[in-house]
Protein backbone atom coordinates (compact mmCIF):
# COMPACT_ATOMS: atom_id res chain seq x y z
CA UNK A 1 6.25 -11.11 35.41
CA UNK A 2 4.21 -8.53 37.06
CA UNK A 3 1.70 -6.66 35.33
CA UNK A 4 3.70 -3.40 35.18
CA UNK A 5 6.45 -4.84 33.68
CA UNK A 6 4.33 -5.87 30.51
CA UNK A 7 4.56 -3.31 27.96
CA UNK A 8 2.67 -3.47 24.25
CA UNK A 9 4.83 -0.87 22.14
CA UNK A 10 4.07 0.07 18.51
CA UNK A 11 4.87 2.43 16.06
CA UNK A 12 2.21 1.34 13.70
CA UNK A 13 0.60 4.04 12.03
CA UNK A 14 -3.13 2.66 10.21
CA UNK A 15 -3.78 5.65 7.41
CA UNK A 16 -6.76 6.04 5.51
CA UNK A 17 -5.98 7.67 2.07
CA UNK A 18 -8.93 8.42 0.14
CA UNK A 19 -8.60 9.25 -3.65
CA UNK A 20 -10.72 11.69 -4.88
CA UNK A 21 -11.50 14.03 -7.68
CA UNK A 22 -9.50 13.67 -10.87
CA UNK A 23 -7.84 10.54 -9.45
CA UNK A 24 -4.41 9.55 -7.84
CA UNK A 25 -2.69 12.32 -6.28
CA UNK A 26 0.56 12.88 -8.46
CA UNK A 27 3.19 10.63 -6.63
CA UNK A 28 3.07 8.48 -3.79
CA UNK A 29 4.83 9.50 -0.42
CA UNK A 30 8.14 8.34 -0.17
CA UNK A 31 7.21 5.92 2.84
CA UNK A 32 4.77 3.98 0.54
CA UNK A 33 7.56 3.49 -2.08
CA UNK A 34 8.78 -0.27 -2.07
CA UNK A 35 11.06 -0.19 -5.40
CA UNK A 36 10.57 0.31 -8.72
CA UNK A 37 8.16 -1.46 -11.31
CA UNK A 38 9.99 -4.25 -13.52
CA UNK A 39 7.69 -3.56 -16.51
CA UNK A 40 7.68 0.43 -16.70
CA UNK A 41 10.01 1.63 -13.80
CA UNK A 42 7.44 3.87 -11.99
CA UNK A 43 7.05 3.30 -8.27
CA UNK A 44 5.75 0.34 -6.47
CA UNK A 45 3.48 0.77 -3.82
CA UNK A 46 2.45 -1.58 -1.25
CA UNK A 47 -1.50 -2.00 -0.23
CA UNK A 48 -3.43 -4.07 1.86
CA UNK A 49 -7.22 -5.30 0.50
CA UNK A 50 -9.76 -7.16 2.61
CA UNK A 51 -11.15 -10.55 1.29
CA UNK A 52 -14.34 -10.25 2.65
CA UNK A 53 -14.95 -12.88 5.64
CA UNK A 54 -11.71 -14.37 5.21
CA UNK A 55 -8.27 -12.44 5.67
CA UNK A 56 -5.96 -9.87 4.23
CA UNK A 57 -3.76 -9.77 1.30
CA UNK A 58 -1.09 -7.44 0.70
CA UNK A 59 -0.28 -6.54 -2.85
CA UNK A 60 2.73 -4.48 -4.34
CA UNK A 61 1.40 -2.54 -7.19
CA UNK A 62 2.81 -0.27 -9.76
CA UNK A 63 1.86 3.24 -9.19
CA UNK A 64 0.94 3.60 -13.11
CA UNK A 65 -1.55 0.68 -12.37
CA UNK A 66 -3.74 2.75 -9.95
CA UNK A 67 -6.21 5.36 -10.98
CA UNK A 68 -8.49 5.95 -13.68
CA UNK A 69 -6.56 5.24 -16.86
CA UNK A 70 -4.01 2.86 -15.87
CA UNK A 71 -0.95 2.65 -17.93
CA UNK A 72 0.58 -0.60 -16.23
CA UNK A 73 -0.58 -3.84 -14.86
CA UNK A 74 2.23 -4.79 -12.81
CA UNK A 75 0.91 -6.28 -9.45
CA UNK A 76 2.45 -9.06 -6.95
CA UNK A 77 0.90 -10.57 -4.39
CA UNK A 78 2.67 -11.13 -1.16
């Protein structure tokens, strides 16, 4: 197979979202939502965390658990 025939296509988007000021945004973007929290019914969002020098973990977390005053503690590590 010639080099010209090999193509790597991706639509992956890496986006850094920084939460500043009074806390998290009012609601997550629709493309971030993975479902509803089984504990409180709020949106579940997916977050990726780097584990120092080892690997990454993906966590599904309740939107209400994020921010300075969490009202839910739901978290599922994939």
